[in-house]
Amino acid sequence: MVKSPFIIEPSRLDFDHPIADIEAIRKLNPQRHEMEQLTAILCEDLETHSCAAYKQITDNEFWVRGHMPGMPLMPGVMMLEAVAQLSSYYTQKHDLLGAAMVGFGGVDEVRFRGVVVPGDRLVVMVRLEKARRGRMIVARFQGAVGENLVLEGCLRGIPIPIEAVTEQLTGGSK
């Protein structure tokens, strides 16, 4: 049997029976409105620490009008945001960092291998490689449209110091 190039074989994904809808995602992820980049969580495997979700791309995405006029392409940073939100969901669900909120710590080895346009269903997959409680998670990720790999790389997630951010926003620290 040939090993799939995907973290999770796309043919295993059941879009009709997700394990978490947008309301369940909202219980763990703080993003709302135009920043919500996941439609549903499709599966997770606790043995391999991997999971998959999708984002249904519509003509109503905030970026469609301006990126690029007449040829709307999903910005790479929005694809990365979808991956970050899936990583955050899995990390929070399983309390891997022991943090109230998970943030972007960085990305490495990112490659965009195809385009994502309105009408596509972007499937994002992550596989946790390292978790240091209170410090960082490291996860390999992929994005696919159908059987086509459109995105891959490595993401780092870090705990967000909510108290410090709140203090900064209220003018308490400079």
C-alpha atoms as a PDB file:
ATOM      1  CA  MET A   1       0.000   0.000   0.000  1.00  0.00           C
ATOM      2  CA  VAL A   2       1.358   3.406  -0.999  1.00  0.00           C
ATOM      3  CA  LYS A   3       1.518   5.978   1.783  1.00  0.00           C
ATOM      4  CA  SER A   4      -0.692   9.008   1.172  1.00  0.00           C
ATOM      5  CA  PRO A   5       1.127  12.312   0.743  1.00  0.00           C
ATOM      6  CA  PHE A   6      -1.589  13.819   2.942  1.00  0.00           C
ATOM      7  CA  ILE A   7      -1.628  14.078   6.735  1.00  0.00           C
ATOM      8  CA  ILE A   8      -5.148  12.655   6.541  1.00  0.00           C
ATOM      9  CA  GLU A   9      -6.306  10.940   3.370  1.00  0.00           C
ATOM     10  CA  PRO A  10      -8.995  13.224   1.847  1.00  0.00           C
ATOM     11  CA  SER A  11     -11.160  10.239   0.875  1.00  0.00           C
ATOM     12  CA  ARG A  12     -11.579   9.462   4.627  1.00  0.00           C
ATOM     13  CA  LEU A  13     -13.215  12.823   5.315  1.00  0.00           C
ATOM     14  CA  ASP A  14     -16.993  12.873   5.780  1.00  0.00           C
ATOM     15  CA  PHE A  15     -18.294  16.359   5.032  1.00  0.00           C
ATOM     16  CA  ASP A  16     -21.863  15.307   5.833  1.00  0.00           C
ATOM     17  CA  HIS A  17     -21.008  14.337   9.424  1.00  0.00           C
ATOM     18  CA  PRO A  18     -18.484  16.815  10.904  1.00  0.00           C
ATOM     19  CA  ILE A  19     -17.439  16.304  14.530  1.00  0.00           C
ATOM     20  CA  ALA A  20     -17.768  20.031  15.313  1.00  0.00           C
ATOM     21  CA  ASP A  21     -19.783  22.775  13.637  1.00  0.00           C
ATOM     22  CA  ILE A  22     -19.179  26.523  13.795  1.00  0.00           C
ATOM     23  CA  GLU A  23     -20.856  26.814  17.221  1.00  0.00           C
ATOM     24  CA  ALA A  24     -18.552  24.167  18.696  1.00  0.00           C
ATOM     25  CA  ILE A  25     -15.537  25.881  17.106  1.00  0.00           C
ATOM     26  CA  ARG A  26     -16.601  29.200  18.654  1.00  0.00           C
ATOM     27  CA  LYS A  27     -16.498  27.650  22.122  1.00  0.00           C
ATOM     28  CA  LEU A  28     -12.722  27.206  21.737  1.00  0.00           C
ATOM     29  CA  ASN A  29     -11.641  29.846  19.208  1.00  0.00           C
ATOM     30  CA  PRO A  30     -12.142  33.597  19.734  1.00  0.00           C
ATOM     31  CA  GLN A  31     -12.323  34.666  16.048  1.00  0.00           C
ATOM     32  CA  ARG A  32     -15.658  35.992  14.840  1.00  0.00           C
ATOM     33  CA  HIS A  33     -17.303  37.418  11.735  1.00  0.00           C
ATOM     34  CA  GLU A  34     -14.995  37.785   8.732  1.00  0.00           C
ATOM     35  CA  MET A  35     -12.050  36.339  10.683  1.00  0.00           C
ATOM     36  CA  GLU A  36     -13.683  32.926  11.162  1.00  0.00           C
ATOM     37  CA  GLN A  37     -11.808  30.734   8.711  1.00  0.00           C
ATOM     38  CA  LEU A  38     -13.251  27.307   9.543  1.00  0.00           C
ATOM     39  CA  THR A  39     -16.666  25.976   8.569  1.00  0.00           C
ATOM     40  CA  ALA A  40     -16.450  22.663  10.453  1.00  0.00           C
ATOM     41  CA  ILE A  41     -14.042  20.186  12.035  1.00  0.00           C
ATOM     42  CA  LEU A  42     -14.123  16.900  10.137  1.00  0.00           C
ATOM     43  CA  CYS A  43     -12.042  14.505  12.210  1.00  0.00           C
ATOM     44  CA  GLU A  44      -9.277  14.105  14.731  1.00  0.00           C
ATOM     45  CA  ASP A  45      -6.936  11.235  15.540  1.00  0.00           C
ATOM     46  CA  LEU A  46      -5.562  11.290  19.080  1.00  0.00           C
ATOM     47  CA  GLU A  47      -2.952   8.602  18.317  1.00  0.00           C
ATOM     48  CA  THR A  48      -1.256  10.673  15.610  1.00  0.00           C
ATOM     49  CA  HIS A  49      -2.340  14.050  17.039  1.00  0.00           C
ATOM     50  CA  SER A  50      -3.801  15.028  13.688  1.00  0.00           C
ATOM     51  CA  CYS A  51      -7.040  16.674  12.674  1.00  0.00           C
ATOM     52  CA  ALA A  52      -8.796  18.091   9.629  1.00  0.00           C
ATOM     53  CA  ALA A  53     -11.332  20.836   8.999  1.00  0.00           C
ATOM     54  CA  TYR A  54     -12.674  22.769   6.068  1.00  0.00           C
ATOM     55  CA  LYS A  55     -13.563  26.279   5.021  1.00  0.00           C
ATOM     56  CA  GLN A  56     -16.214  26.651   2.329  1.00  0.00           C
ATOM     57  CA  ILE A  57     -15.049  29.572   0.192  1.00  0.00           C
ATOM     58  CA  THR A  58     -17.899  31.798  -1.000  1.00  0.00           C
ATOM     59  CA  ASP A  59     -18.300  34.924  -3.089  1.00  0.00           C
ATOM     60  CA  ASN A  60     -19.037  36.768   0.179  1.00  0.00           C
ATOM     61  CA  GLU A  61     -15.523  36.497   1.650  1.00  0.00           C
ATOM     62  CA  PHE A  62     -14.263  39.948   2.629  1.00  0.00           C
ATOM     63  CA  TRP A  63     -11.203  39.646   0.380  1.00  0.00           C
ATOM     64  CA  VAL A  64     -13.037  38.703  -2.841  1.00  0.00           C
ATOM     65  CA  ARG A  65     -13.684  42.300  -3.942  1.00  0.00           C
ATOM     66  CA  GLY A  66     -10.053  43.383  -3.764  1.00  0.00           C
ATOM     67  CA  HIS A  67      -7.828  40.305  -4.067  1.00  0.00           C
ATOM     68  CA  MET A  68      -7.590  40.290  -7.083  1.00  0.00           C
ATOM     69  CA  PRO A  69     -10.329  42.245  -8.920  1.00  0.00           C
ATOM     70  CA  GLY A  70     -11.757  40.014 -11.632  1.00  0.00           C
ATOM     71  CA  MET A  71      -9.705  37.034 -10.407  1.00  0.00           C
ATOM     72  CA  PRO A  72     -10.452  36.477  -6.691  1.00  0.00           C
ATOM     73  CA  LEU A  73      -7.689  34.389  -5.131  1.00  0.00           C
ATOM     74  CA  MET A  74      -7.760  33.467  -1.444  1.00  0.00           C
ATOM     75  CA  PRO A  75      -4.803  35.288   0.112  1.00  0.00           C
ATOM     76  CA  GLY A  76      -2.078  33.015   1.441  1.00  0.00           C
ATOM     77  CA  VAL A  77      -2.289  34.709   4.826  1.00  0.00           C
ATOM     78  CA  MET A  78      -5.967  33.710   5.054  1.00  0.00           C
ATOM     79  CA  MET A  79      -5.059  30.089   4.269  1.00  0.00           C
ATOM     80  CA  LEU A  80      -2.478  30.275   7.054  1.00  0.00           C
ATOM     81  CA  GLU A  81      -5.115  31.762   9.364  1.00  0.00           C
ATOM     82  CA  ALA A  82      -7.362  28.735   8.687  1.00  0.00           C
ATOM     83  CA  VAL A  83      -4.475  26.425   9.633  1.00  0.00           C
ATOM     84  CA  ALA A  84      -3.765  28.475  12.773  1.00  0.00           C
ATOM     85  CA  GLN A  85      -7.418  28.305  13.804  1.00  0.00           C
ATOM     86  CA  LEU A  86      -7.485  24.522  13.373  1.00  0.00           C
ATOM     87  CA  SER A  87      -4.272  24.200  15.385  1.00  0.00           C
ATOM     88  CA  SER A  88      -5.721  26.438  18.087  1.00  0.00           C
ATOM     89  CA  TYR A  89      -8.953  24.449  18.199  1.00  0.00           C
ATOM     90  CA  TYR A  90      -7.106  21.144  18.683  1.00  0.00           C
ATOM     91  CA  THR A  91      -4.674  22.653  21.205  1.00  0.00           C
ATOM     92  CA  GLN A  92      -7.454  24.191  23.290  1.00  0.00           C
ATOM     93  CA  LYS A  93      -9.748  21.169  23.089  1.00  0.00           C
ATOM     94  CA  HIS A  94      -7.004  18.953  24.509  1.00  0.00           C
ATOM     95  CA  ASP A  95      -5.459  21.652  26.774  1.00  0.00           C
ATOM     96  CA  LEU A  96      -1.985  21.115  25.321  1.00  0.00           C
ATOM     97  CA  LEU A  97      -0.557  24.533  26.245  1.00  0.00           C
ATOM     98  CA  GLY A  98      -2.425  25.222  29.474  1.00  0.00           C
ATOM     99  CA  ALA A  99      -3.252  28.698  28.152  1.00  0.00           C
ATOM    100  CA  ALA A 100      -6.476  30.654  27.911  1.00  0.00           C
ATOM    101  CA  MET A 101      -5.689  31.555  24.298  1.00  0.00           C
ATOM    102  CA  VAL A 102      -3.305  30.323  21.587  1.00  0.00           C
ATOM    103  CA  GLY A 103      -1.677  32.706  19.114  1.00  0.00           C
ATOM    104  CA  PHE A 104       0.461  32.570  16.004  1.00  0.00           C
ATOM    105  CA  GLY A 105       4.097  32.008  16.927  1.00  0.00           C
ATOM    106  CA  GLY A 106       5.401  31.663  13.389  1.00  0.00           C
ATOM    107  CA  VAL A 107       5.468  29.588  10.238  1.00  0.00           C
ATOM    108  CA  ASP A 108       8.327  27.832   8.504  1.00  0.00           C
ATOM    109  CA  GLU A 109       8.853  26.047   5.204  1.00  0.00           C
ATOM    110  CA  VAL A 110       5.567  27.399   3.812  1.00  0.00           C
ATOM    111  CA  ARG A 111       4.833  26.529   0.206  1.00  0.00           C
ATOM    112  CA  PHE A 112       1.786  27.575  -1.781  1.00  0.00           C
ATOM    113  CA  ARG A 113       1.194  24.963  -4.458  1.00  0.00           C
ATOM    114  CA  GLY A 114      -2.156  26.009  -5.915  1.00  0.00           C
ATOM    115  CA  VAL A 115      -4.902  28.607  -5.820  1.00  0.00           C
ATOM    116  CA  VAL A 116      -8.116  28.714  -3.811  1.00  0.00           C
ATOM    117  CA  VAL A 117     -11.094  30.576  -5.277  1.00  0.00           C
ATOM    118  CA  PRO A 118     -14.763  31.125  -4.410  1.00  0.00           C
ATOM    119  CA  GLY A 119     -16.669  27.873  -4.770  1.00  0.00           C
ATOM    120  CA  ASP A 120     -13.740  25.799  -3.490  1.00  0.00           C
ATOM    121  CA  ARG A 121     -13.743  23.843  -0.265  1.00  0.00           C
ATOM    122  CA  LEU A 122     -10.360  24.316   1.377  1.00  0.00           C
ATOM    123  CA  VAL A 123      -9.497  21.347   3.592  1.00  0.00           C
ATOM    124  CA  VAL A 124      -6.820  22.069   6.186  1.00  0.00           C
ATOM    125  CA  MET A 125      -4.984  19.351   8.091  1.00  0.00           C
ATOM    126  CA  VAL A 126      -2.510  19.519  10.955  1.00  0.00           C
ATOM    127  CA  ARG A 127      -0.349  16.969  12.733  1.00  0.00           C
ATOM    128  CA  LEU A 128       1.130  17.957  16.059  1.00  0.00           C
ATOM    129  CA  GLU A 129       4.869  17.315  16.206  1.00  0.00           C
ATOM    130  CA  LYS A 130       5.715  18.906  19.550  1.00  0.00           C
ATOM    131  CA  ALA A 131       3.877  20.371  22.518  1.00  0.00           C
ATOM    132  CA  ARG A 132       5.691  22.148  25.354  1.00  0.00           C
ATOM    133  CA  ARG A 133       3.086  23.082  27.939  1.00  0.00           C
ATOM    134  CA  GLY A 134       3.124  26.801  28.661  1.00  0.00           C
ATOM    135  CA  ARG A 135       5.590  27.421  25.822  1.00  0.00           C
ATOM    136  CA  MET A 136       4.771  26.298  22.283  1.00  0.00           C
ATOM    137  CA  ILE A 137       3.214  23.788  19.934  1.00  0.00           C
ATOM    138  CA  VAL A 138       4.731  22.818  16.594  1.00  0.00           C
ATOM    139  CA  ALA A 139       2.535  21.304  13.896  1.00  0.00           C
ATOM    140  CA  ARG A 140       2.969  20.246  10.271  1.00  0.00           C
ATOM    141  CA  PHE A 141       0.109  21.412   8.096  1.00  0.00           C
ATOM    142  CA  GLN A 142      -1.392  20.996   4.666  1.00  0.00           C
ATOM    143  CA  GLY A 143      -4.226  22.518   2.698  1.00  0.00           C
ATOM    144  CA  ALA A 144      -6.020  20.802  -0.158  1.00  0.00           C
ATOM    145  CA  VAL A 145      -8.770  21.483  -2.640  1.00  0.00           C
ATOM    146  CA  GLY A 146     -10.117  18.111  -3.715  1.00  0.00           C
ATOM    147  CA  GLU A 147      -7.081  15.874  -4.168  1.00  0.00           C
ATOM    148  CA  ASN A 148      -4.789  18.823  -4.951  1.00  0.00           C
ATOM    149  CA  LEU A 149      -2.286  19.994  -2.357  1.00  0.00           C
ATOM    150  CA  VAL A 150      -2.392  23.811  -2.295  1.00  0.00           C
ATOM    151  CA  LEU A 151      -0.489  24.617   0.910  1.00  0.00           C
ATOM    152  CA  GLU A 152       2.017  23.031   3.278  1.00  0.00           C
ATOM    153  CA  GLY A 153       4.443  23.989   6.002  1.00  0.00           C
ATOM    154  CA  CYS A 154       5.103  24.061   9.721  1.00  0.00           C
ATOM    155  CA  LEU A 155       3.294  26.265  12.259  1.00  0.00           C
ATOM    156  CA  ARG A 156       4.222  27.334  15.780  1.00  0.00           C
ATOM    157  CA  GLY A 157       1.553  28.267  18.290  1.00  0.00           C
ATOM    158  CA  ILE A 158       2.237  30.143  21.526  1.00  0.00           C
ATOM    159  CA  PRO A 159       0.194  31.083  24.587  1.00  0.00           C
ATOM    160  CA  ILE A 160      -1.252  34.592  24.406  1.00  0.00           C
ATOM    161  CA  PRO A 161      -0.655  36.586  27.609  1.00  0.00           C
ATOM    162  CA  ILE A 162      -4.250  37.818  27.854  1.00  0.00           C
ATOM    163  CA  GLU A 163      -3.654  39.927  30.965  1.00  0.00           C
ATOM    164  CA  ALA A 164      -0.732  41.809  29.398  1.00  0.00           C
ATOM    165  CA  VAL A 165      -2.648  42.419  26.179  1.00  0.00           C
ATOM    166  CA  THR A 166      -5.695  43.653  28.113  1.00  0.00           C
ATOM    167  CA  GLU A 167      -3.515  45.976  30.146  1.00  0.00           C
ATOM    168  CA  GLN A 168      -1.878  47.342  27.002  1.00  0.00           C
ATOM    169  CA  LEU A 169      -5.264  47.909  25.326  1.00  0.00           C
ATOM    170  CA  THR A 170      -6.573  49.795  28.344  1.00  0.00           C
ATOM    171  CA  GLY A 171      -3.471  52.010  28.463  1.00  0.00           C
ATOM    172  CA  GLY A 172      -2.047  50.425  31.611  1.00  0.00           C
ATOM    173  CA  SER A 173       1.395  49.711  30.162  1.00  0.00           C
ATOM    174  CA  LYS A 174       3.578  51.332  27.576  1.00  0.00           C
END
